[in-house]
Amino acid sequence: MGTVEDYLSGLPPEQAQALRRVVELSHALAPDAEEGTSYGMPALLVGGRPLVGITAAVRHLSLFPFSSAVVAAVAPDLEGYSLSKGTIRFTVEQPLPDAVVEQVVRLRRAELGV
């Protein structure tokens, strides 16, 4: 198991399932991504640089694209979600749309030049 999978295995099943979906979609678009950490959180890395990170809190789950430009680019598709400069928050009851996760990964890969 890698860092991301270790993290997911310690979460309640419903949170793990919602975050695992984000990780699976990310891996599908970035098969070269490796599990690791970035800024102290579980992350997928490409060439040693952070692609996306994930965390779970009591009331929400988070996707970190490590880019305010990526968050701003997908913001119009996330009405009703909580966003900040570098974070997209969602819940088990309101998961991220697959298309948004895919767009985040594509945009972030482009930023990384991979």
Protein backbone atom coordinates (compact mmCIF):
# COMPACT_ATOMS: atom_id res chain seq x y z
CA MET A 1 0.00 0.00 0.00
CA GLY A 2 1.05 3.56 -0.60
CA THR A 3 0.60 6.70 1.42
CA VAL A 4 -2.80 7.59 -0.07
CA GLU A 5 -4.21 4.10 0.36
CA ASP A 6 -2.87 3.93 3.92
CA TYR A 7 -4.66 7.20 4.67
CA LEU A 8 -7.93 6.02 3.12
CA SER A 9 -7.84 2.76 5.06
CA GLY A 10 -7.96 4.75 8.31
CA LEU A 11 -11.13 6.67 7.40
CA PRO A 12 -14.78 5.76 7.92
CA PRO A 13 -15.91 3.69 4.90
CA GLU A 14 -18.18 6.35 3.38
CA GLN A 15 -15.45 9.02 3.50
CA ALA A 16 -12.87 6.59 2.15
CA GLN A 17 -15.16 5.64 -0.73
CA ALA A 18 -15.78 9.27 -1.72
CA LEU A 19 -12.08 10.15 -1.63
CA ARG A 20 -11.09 6.88 -3.32
CA ARG A 21 -13.30 7.85 -6.28
CA VAL A 22 -11.32 11.10 -6.63
CA VAL A 23 -8.04 9.17 -6.45
CA GLU A 24 -9.19 6.57 -8.99
CA LEU A 25 -10.26 9.23 -11.48
CA SER A 26 -6.98 11.06 -10.95
CA HIS A 27 -4.97 7.88 -11.52
CA ALA A 28 -6.94 7.14 -14.69
CA LEU A 29 -5.83 10.48 -16.16
CA ALA A 30 -2.36 10.37 -14.62
CA PRO A 31 -1.26 6.74 -14.66
CA ASP A 32 2.29 7.92 -14.02
CA ALA A 33 1.27 9.43 -10.66
CA GLU A 34 2.76 7.97 -7.52
CA GLU A 35 1.40 8.07 -3.99
CA GLY A 36 3.21 10.30 -1.54
CA THR A 37 2.73 13.39 0.57
CA SER A 38 2.83 17.09 -0.12
CA TYR A 39 2.35 19.86 2.44
CA GLY A 40 1.78 17.11 5.01
CA MET A 41 -1.20 15.56 3.24
CA PRO A 42 -1.65 12.40 1.17
CA ALA A 43 -1.11 13.27 -2.46
CA LEU A 44 -0.52 11.97 -5.94
CA LEU A 45 2.79 13.13 -7.31
CA VAL A 46 4.04 13.31 -10.88
CA GLY A 47 7.78 13.57 -11.30
CA GLY A 48 8.03 14.25 -7.57
CA ARG A 49 5.74 17.29 -7.82
CA PRO A 50 2.23 17.42 -6.32
CA LEU A 51 -0.65 16.76 -8.68
CA VAL A 52 -3.56 16.61 -6.20
CA GLY A 53 -3.92 16.08 -2.48
CA ILE A 54 -6.82 14.82 -0.39
CA THR A 55 -7.95 15.08 3.23
CA ALA A 56 -10.96 14.27 5.37
CA ALA A 57 -12.32 16.44 8.17
CA VAL A 58 -15.28 15.93 10.45
CA ARG A 59 -17.74 17.84 8.25
CA HIS A 60 -16.17 17.75 4.79
CA LEU A 61 -13.66 16.21 2.42
CA SER A 62 -11.12 18.22 0.48
CA LEU A 63 -9.37 18.08 -2.85
CA PHE A 64 -6.24 20.20 -3.14
CA PRO A 65 -5.07 20.91 -6.70
CA PHE A 66 -2.10 22.90 -5.33
CA SER A 67 -3.11 25.74 -7.63
CA SER A 68 -5.44 28.68 -7.14
CA ALA A 69 -5.71 28.99 -10.94
CA VAL A 70 -7.11 25.45 -11.19
CA VAL A 71 -9.64 26.12 -8.43
CA ALA A 72 -10.70 29.33 -10.18
CA ALA A 73 -11.05 27.50 -13.52
CA VAL A 74 -13.45 24.88 -12.13
CA ALA A 75 -15.33 27.20 -9.77
CA PRO A 76 -18.16 27.92 -12.25
CA ASP A 77 -18.95 24.17 -12.26
CA LEU A 78 -19.05 23.97 -8.45
CA GLU A 79 -21.94 26.16 -7.40
CA GLY A 80 -23.00 25.15 -3.92
CA TYR A 81 -19.58 23.78 -2.98
CA SER A 82 -17.19 25.45 -0.55
CA LEU A 83 -14.07 26.74 -2.28
CA SER A 84 -11.03 28.64 -1.15
CA LYS A 85 -7.91 29.75 -2.96
CA GLY A 86 -6.42 26.27 -3.04
CA THR A 87 -9.13 23.92 -1.79
CA ILE A 88 -12.30 22.33 -3.09
CA ARG A 89 -14.50 21.03 -0.27
CA PHE A 90 -17.21 18.43 -0.71
CA THR A 91 -19.12 15.86 1.31
CA VAL A 92 -20.13 12.24 1.08
CA GLU A 93 -23.67 13.43 0.36
CA GLN A 94 -22.47 15.92 -2.28
CA PRO A 95 -19.46 14.31 -3.97
CA LEU A 96 -17.47 16.07 -6.64
CA PRO A 97 -18.73 15.50 -10.18
CA ASP A 98 -16.41 13.18 -12.12
CA ALA A 99 -16.08 15.76 -14.89
CA VAL A 100 -14.76 18.34 -12.41
CA VAL A 101 -12.18 15.95 -10.95
CA GLU A 102 -11.06 15.10 -14.47
CA GLN A 103 -10.80 18.78 -15.37
CA VAL A 104 -8.77 19.49 -12.22
CA VAL A 105 -6.31 16.72 -13.09
CA ARG A 106 -5.99 17.80 -16.74
CA LEU A 107 -5.43 21.44 -15.79
CA ARG A 108 -2.93 20.54 -13.08
CA ARG A 109 -1.01 18.22 -15.42
CA ALA A 110 -0.82 21.06 -17.94
CA GLU A 111 0.56 23.37 -15.25
CA LEU A 112 3.19 20.78 -14.41
CA GLY A 113 4.03 20.35 -18.09
CA VAL A 114 3.28 16.62 -18.12
